[in-house]
C-alpha atoms as a PDB file:
ATOM      1  CA  UNK A   1      26.346  -9.928 -10.329  1.00  0.00           C
ATOM      2  CA  UNK A   2      22.594 -10.318 -10.265  1.00  0.00           C
ATOM      3  CA  UNK A   3      20.864 -11.171  -7.007  1.00  0.00           C
ATOM      4  CA  UNK A   4      18.556 -14.189  -7.414  1.00  0.00           C
ATOM      5  CA  UNK A   5      15.064 -12.775  -6.933  1.00  0.00           C
ATOM      6  CA  UNK A   6      11.641 -14.248  -6.328  1.00  0.00           C
ATOM      7  CA  UNK A   7       8.517 -12.058  -6.160  1.00  0.00           C
ATOM      8  CA  UNK A   8       5.297 -13.443  -4.707  1.00  0.00           C
ATOM      9  CA  UNK A   9       1.931 -11.683  -4.972  1.00  0.00           C
ATOM     10  CA  UNK A  10      -0.769 -12.713  -2.477  1.00  0.00           C
ATOM     11  CA  UNK A  11      -4.220 -11.129  -2.428  1.00  0.00           C
ATOM     12  CA  UNK A  12      -2.818  -8.543  -4.779  1.00  0.00           C
ATOM     13  CA  UNK A  13      -3.041  -8.754  -8.569  1.00  0.00           C
ATOM     14  CA  UNK A  14       0.256  -9.215 -10.394  1.00  0.00           C
ATOM     15  CA  UNK A  15       1.439  -5.933 -11.846  1.00  0.00           C
ATOM     16  CA  UNK A  16       4.257  -5.486 -14.343  1.00  0.00           C
ATOM     17  CA  UNK A  17       4.874  -1.978 -12.985  1.00  0.00           C
ATOM     18  CA  UNK A  18       5.214  -3.248  -9.401  1.00  0.00           C
ATOM     19  CA  UNK A  19       7.424  -6.105 -10.594  1.00  0.00           C
ATOM     20  CA  UNK A  20       9.707  -3.646 -12.431  1.00  0.00           C
ATOM     21  CA  UNK A  21       9.834  -1.304  -9.431  1.00  0.00           C
ATOM     22  CA  UNK A  22      10.897  -4.163  -7.149  1.00  0.00           C
ATOM     23  CA  UNK A  23      13.556  -5.363  -9.608  1.00  0.00           C
ATOM     24  CA  UNK A  24      14.998  -1.841  -9.804  1.00  0.00           C
ATOM     25  CA  UNK A  25      15.126  -1.590  -6.000  1.00  0.00           C
ATOM     26  CA  UNK A  26      16.837  -4.988  -5.699  1.00  0.00           C
ATOM     27  CA  UNK A  27      19.416  -3.897  -8.276  1.00  0.00           C
ATOM     28  CA  UNK A  28      20.368  -0.967  -6.022  1.00  0.00           C
ATOM     29  CA  UNK A  29      21.311  -3.443  -3.267  1.00  0.00           C
ATOM     30  CA  UNK A  30      23.969  -5.005  -5.499  1.00  0.00           C
ATOM     31  CA  UNK A  31      26.447  -2.271  -4.574  1.00  0.00           C
ATOM     32  CA  UNK A  32      26.605  -3.666  -1.029  1.00  0.00           C
ATOM     33  CA  UNK A  33      29.937  -5.218  -0.005  1.00  0.00           C
ATOM     34  CA  UNK A  34      27.942  -8.113   1.481  1.00  0.00           C
ATOM     35  CA  UNK A  35      27.118 -11.122  -0.690  1.00  0.00           C
ATOM     36  CA  UNK A  36      23.339 -11.473  -1.044  1.00  0.00           C
ATOM     37  CA  UNK A  37      22.567 -15.085  -1.885  1.00  0.00           C
ATOM     38  CA  UNK A  38      18.869 -14.553  -2.493  1.00  0.00           C
ATOM     39  CA  UNK A  39      16.062 -12.026  -2.226  1.00  0.00           C
ATOM     40  CA  UNK A  40      12.395 -12.934  -1.853  1.00  0.00           C
ATOM     41  CA  UNK A  41       9.797 -10.159  -1.933  1.00  0.00           C
ATOM     42  CA  UNK A  42       6.194 -10.711  -0.876  1.00  0.00           C
ATOM     43  CA  UNK A  43       3.511  -8.245  -1.974  1.00  0.00           C
ATOM     44  CA  UNK A  44       0.425  -8.935   0.126  1.00  0.00           C
ATOM     45  CA  UNK A  45      -3.013  -7.407   0.595  1.00  0.00           C
ATOM     46  CA  UNK A  46      -5.630  -8.325   3.164  1.00  0.00           C
ATOM     47  CA  UNK A  47      -9.018  -9.304   1.819  1.00  0.00           C
ATOM     48  CA  UNK A  48     -11.014  -7.183   4.202  1.00  0.00           C
ATOM     49  CA  UNK A  49     -10.995  -3.419   3.838  1.00  0.00           C
ATOM     50  CA  UNK A  50     -11.689  -0.888   6.553  1.00  0.00           C
ATOM     51  CA  UNK A  51     -12.714   2.762   6.419  1.00  0.00           C
ATOM     52  CA  UNK A  52      -9.045   3.736   5.962  1.00  0.00           C
ATOM     53  CA  UNK A  53      -8.541   1.390   3.014  1.00  0.00           C
ATOM     54  CA  UNK A  54      -7.040  -2.020   2.450  1.00  0.00           C
ATOM     55  CA  UNK A  55      -4.093  -3.116   4.591  1.00  0.00           C
ATOM     56  CA  UNK A  56      -1.116  -3.960   2.388  1.00  0.00           C
ATOM     57  CA  UNK A  57       2.297  -5.328   3.256  1.00  0.00           C
ATOM     58  CA  UNK A  58       5.679  -5.623   1.585  1.00  0.00           C
ATOM     59  CA  UNK A  59       8.035  -8.201   3.063  1.00  0.00           C
ATOM     60  CA  UNK A  60      11.648  -8.414   1.888  1.00  0.00           C
ATOM     61  CA  UNK A  61      13.825 -11.386   2.856  1.00  0.00           C
ATOM     62  CA  UNK A  62      17.547 -11.116   2.125  1.00  0.00           C
ATOM     63  CA  UNK A  63      19.749 -14.185   2.549  1.00  0.00           C
ATOM     64  CA  UNK A  64      23.215 -13.015   3.561  1.00  0.00           C
ATOM     65  CA  UNK A  65      26.084 -15.023   5.093  1.00  0.00           C
ATOM     66  CA  UNK A  66      24.945 -16.649   8.357  1.00  0.00           C
ATOM     67  CA  UNK A  67      21.736 -14.636   8.539  1.00  0.00           C
ATOM     68  CA  UNK A  68      18.371 -13.809   7.019  1.00  0.00           C
ATOM     69  CA  UNK A  69      17.446 -10.131   7.055  1.00  0.00           C
ATOM     70  CA  UNK A  70      13.672  -9.660   7.104  1.00  0.00           C
ATOM     71  CA  UNK A  71      12.061  -6.317   6.441  1.00  0.00           C
ATOM     72  CA  UNK A  72       8.305  -5.956   6.699  1.00  0.00           C
ATOM     73  CA  UNK A  73       6.472  -2.757   5.925  1.00  0.00           C
ATOM     74  CA  UNK A  74       2.698  -2.591   6.309  1.00  0.00           C
ATOM     75  CA  UNK A  75       0.391   0.339   5.828  1.00  0.00           C
ATOM     76  CA  UNK A  76      -3.285   0.934   5.455  1.00  0.00           C
ATOM     77  CA  UNK A  77      -4.367   2.825   2.365  1.00  0.00           C
ATOM     78  CA  UNK A  78      -0.808   3.722   1.312  1.00  0.00           C
ATOM     79  CA  UNK A  79       0.269   3.551  -2.317  1.00  0.00           C
ATOM     80  CA  UNK A  80       2.175   0.411  -3.271  1.00  0.00           C
ATOM     81  CA  UNK A  81       5.082   2.356  -4.817  1.00  0.00           C
ATOM     82  CA  UNK A  82       5.598   4.282  -1.580  1.00  0.00           C
ATOM     83  CA  UNK A  83       5.512   1.042   0.412  1.00  0.00           C
ATOM     84  CA  UNK A  84       8.115  -0.552  -1.860  1.00  0.00           C
ATOM     85  CA  UNK A  85      10.366   2.480  -1.469  1.00  0.00           C
ATOM     86  CA  UNK A  86      10.012   2.465   2.337  1.00  0.00           C
ATOM     87  CA  UNK A  87      10.676  -1.280   2.559  1.00  0.00           C
ATOM     88  CA  UNK A  88      13.794  -1.104   0.380  1.00  0.00           C
ATOM     89  CA  UNK A  89      15.113   1.976   2.195  1.00  0.00           C
ATOM     90  CA  UNK A  90      14.849  -0.060   5.393  1.00  0.00           C
ATOM     91  CA  UNK A  91      16.466  -3.061   3.677  1.00  0.00           C
ATOM     92  CA  UNK A  92      19.418  -0.917   2.577  1.00  0.00           C
ATOM     93  CA  UNK A  93      19.823   0.393   6.137  1.00  0.00           C
ATOM     94  CA  UNK A  94      19.741  -3.110   7.645  1.00  0.00           C
ATOM     95  CA  UNK A  95      22.185  -4.365   5.035  1.00  0.00           C
ATOM     96  CA  UNK A  96      24.570  -1.465   5.770  1.00  0.00           C
ATOM     97  CA  UNK A  97      24.344  -2.132   9.518  1.00  0.00           C
ATOM     98  CA  UNK A  98      24.976  -5.846   8.945  1.00  0.00           C
ATOM     99  CA  UNK A  99      27.965  -5.020   6.713  1.00  0.00           C
ATOM    100  CA  UNK A 100      29.384  -2.664   9.346  1.00  0.00           C
ATOM    101  CA  UNK A 101      29.291  -5.392  12.029  1.00  0.00           C
ATOM    102  CA  UNK A 102      30.338  -8.202   9.684  1.00  0.00           C
ATOM    103  CA  UNK A 103      33.340  -6.413   8.171  1.00  0.00           C
ATOM    104  CA  UNK A 104      34.809  -5.157  11.485  1.00  0.00           C
END
């Protein structure tokens, strides 16, 4: 089964590499025992930069039965690939916790 996925870039140029990375991370969530109706990933960057670099954010929304799991990971000056990995690690943890409570 393939999870329906939407990726939105805001203030951040579209990147095929980032798109592929996100799709690979979403595919890893398919092994969950919980049905994921939809996944929407936002890749955002603030327009103003500070001395530490531009503030970027990855937001992952997972539609599961009776709930929306929202994971938001923001970091200043961090690489986008690292942010995607951190956000999806957190998403997998939240999904596992939800599954544990849901399947009791």
